[in-house]
Amino acid sequence: MPDWNLDPELREILVCPACHGPLEDREEGLACPACHVLYPVIEDVPLMIREEALPWPPPA
């Protein structure tokens, strides 16, 4: 279960800003399986900027 807490109504409408696909809840943030990126959630605020996204899954 993620450490962060987003408003359920906000979480329901969030999609990947790059491909507009669905996002998966991960411990570190919101992951886009199609784009292979993770949008971090910092202090319960999702950082939905494509240029700030992290590689996902993380490199081994």
C-alpha atoms as a PDB file:
ATOM      1  CA  MET A   1       0.000   0.000   0.000  1.00  0.00           C
ATOM      2  CA  PRO A   2       1.367   3.459  -0.915  1.00  0.00           C
ATOM      3  CA  ASP A   3       2.624   5.847   1.770  1.00  0.00           C
ATOM      4  CA  TRP A   4       0.849   8.748   0.093  1.00  0.00           C
ATOM      5  CA  ASN A   5      -2.783   9.734   0.282  1.00  0.00           C
ATOM      6  CA  LEU A   6      -4.534  11.362  -2.680  1.00  0.00           C
ATOM      7  CA  ASP A   7      -8.090  12.597  -2.758  1.00  0.00           C
ATOM      8  CA  PRO A   8     -10.112   9.694  -4.269  1.00  0.00           C
ATOM      9  CA  GLU A   9     -11.824  12.004  -6.774  1.00  0.00           C
ATOM     10  CA  LEU A  10      -8.458  13.342  -7.952  1.00  0.00           C
ATOM     11  CA  ARG A  11      -6.955   9.845  -8.182  1.00  0.00           C
ATOM     12  CA  GLU A  12      -9.911   8.695 -10.287  1.00  0.00           C
ATOM     13  CA  ILE A  13      -9.240  11.272 -13.028  1.00  0.00           C
ATOM     14  CA  LEU A  14      -5.425  11.129 -13.142  1.00  0.00           C
ATOM     15  CA  VAL A  15      -3.950   9.617 -16.308  1.00  0.00           C
ATOM     16  CA  CYS A  16      -0.475   9.606 -17.804  1.00  0.00           C
ATOM     17  CA  PRO A  17       0.245  13.085 -19.215  1.00  0.00           C
ATOM     18  CA  ALA A  18       2.238  11.553 -22.082  1.00  0.00           C
ATOM     19  CA  CYS A  19      -0.071   8.796 -23.399  1.00  0.00           C
ATOM     20  CA  HIS A  20      -3.289   9.474 -21.444  1.00  0.00           C
ATOM     21  CA  GLY A  21      -3.269   5.846 -20.304  1.00  0.00           C
ATOM     22  CA  PRO A  22      -4.174   4.492 -16.870  1.00  0.00           C
ATOM     23  CA  LEU A  23      -1.737   4.746 -13.976  1.00  0.00           C
ATOM     24  CA  GLU A  24      -0.917   2.095 -11.379  1.00  0.00           C
ATOM     25  CA  ASP A  25      -0.479   2.943  -7.700  1.00  0.00           C
ATOM     26  CA  ARG A  26       3.041   2.110  -6.527  1.00  0.00           C
ATOM     27  CA  GLU A  27       4.795   2.789  -3.235  1.00  0.00           C
ATOM     28  CA  GLU A  28       6.863   5.581  -4.806  1.00  0.00           C
ATOM     29  CA  GLY A  29       4.139   7.168  -6.924  1.00  0.00           C
ATOM     30  CA  LEU A  30       1.990   6.584 -10.003  1.00  0.00           C
ATOM     31  CA  ALA A  31       3.403   4.307 -12.694  1.00  0.00           C
ATOM     32  CA  CYS A  32       2.499   4.213 -16.377  1.00  0.00           C
ATOM     33  CA  PRO A  33       3.036   0.678 -17.720  1.00  0.00           C
ATOM     34  CA  ALA A  34       2.741   1.886 -21.328  1.00  0.00           C
ATOM     35  CA  CYS A  35       5.429   4.589 -21.057  1.00  0.00           C
ATOM     36  CA  HIS A  36       7.557   2.746 -18.452  1.00  0.00           C
ATOM     37  CA  VAL A  37       7.777   5.803 -16.208  1.00  0.00           C
ATOM     38  CA  LEU A  38       6.853   6.651 -12.636  1.00  0.00           C
ATOM     39  CA  TYR A  39       5.427   9.989 -11.558  1.00  0.00           C
ATOM     40  CA  PRO A  40       6.514  10.543  -7.951  1.00  0.00           C
ATOM     41  CA  VAL A  41       4.062  11.615  -5.271  1.00  0.00           C
ATOM     42  CA  ILE A  42       5.698  14.140  -2.935  1.00  0.00           C
ATOM     43  CA  GLU A  43       3.870  15.154   0.241  1.00  0.00           C
ATOM     44  CA  ASP A  44       0.636  13.734  -1.204  1.00  0.00           C
ATOM     45  CA  VAL A  45       0.985  15.791  -4.409  1.00  0.00           C
ATOM     46  CA  PRO A  46       1.570  13.907  -7.671  1.00  0.00           C
ATOM     47  CA  LEU A  47       4.354  15.381  -9.804  1.00  0.00           C
ATOM     48  CA  MET A  48       2.745  14.872 -13.212  1.00  0.00           C
ATOM     49  CA  ILE A  49       5.459  16.449 -15.370  1.00  0.00           C
ATOM     50  CA  ARG A  50       6.771  14.142 -18.099  1.00  0.00           C
ATOM     51  CA  GLU A  51      10.284  15.577 -17.877  1.00  0.00           C
ATOM     52  CA  GLU A  52      10.365  14.819 -14.129  1.00  0.00           C
ATOM     53  CA  ALA A  53       9.190  11.208 -14.491  1.00  0.00           C
ATOM     54  CA  LEU A  54      11.484   8.406 -13.365  1.00  0.00           C
ATOM     55  CA  PRO A  55      12.243   5.169 -15.256  1.00  0.00           C
ATOM     56  CA  TRP A  56       9.882   2.348 -14.287  1.00  0.00           C
ATOM     57  CA  PRO A  57      10.409  -0.364 -13.492  1.00  0.00           C
ATOM     58  CA  PRO A  58      13.669   0.863 -11.999  1.00  0.00           C
ATOM     59  CA  PRO A  59      16.806  -0.516 -13.610  1.00  0.00           C
ATOM     60  CA  ALA A  60      18.117  -3.588 -11.824  1.00  0.00           C
END
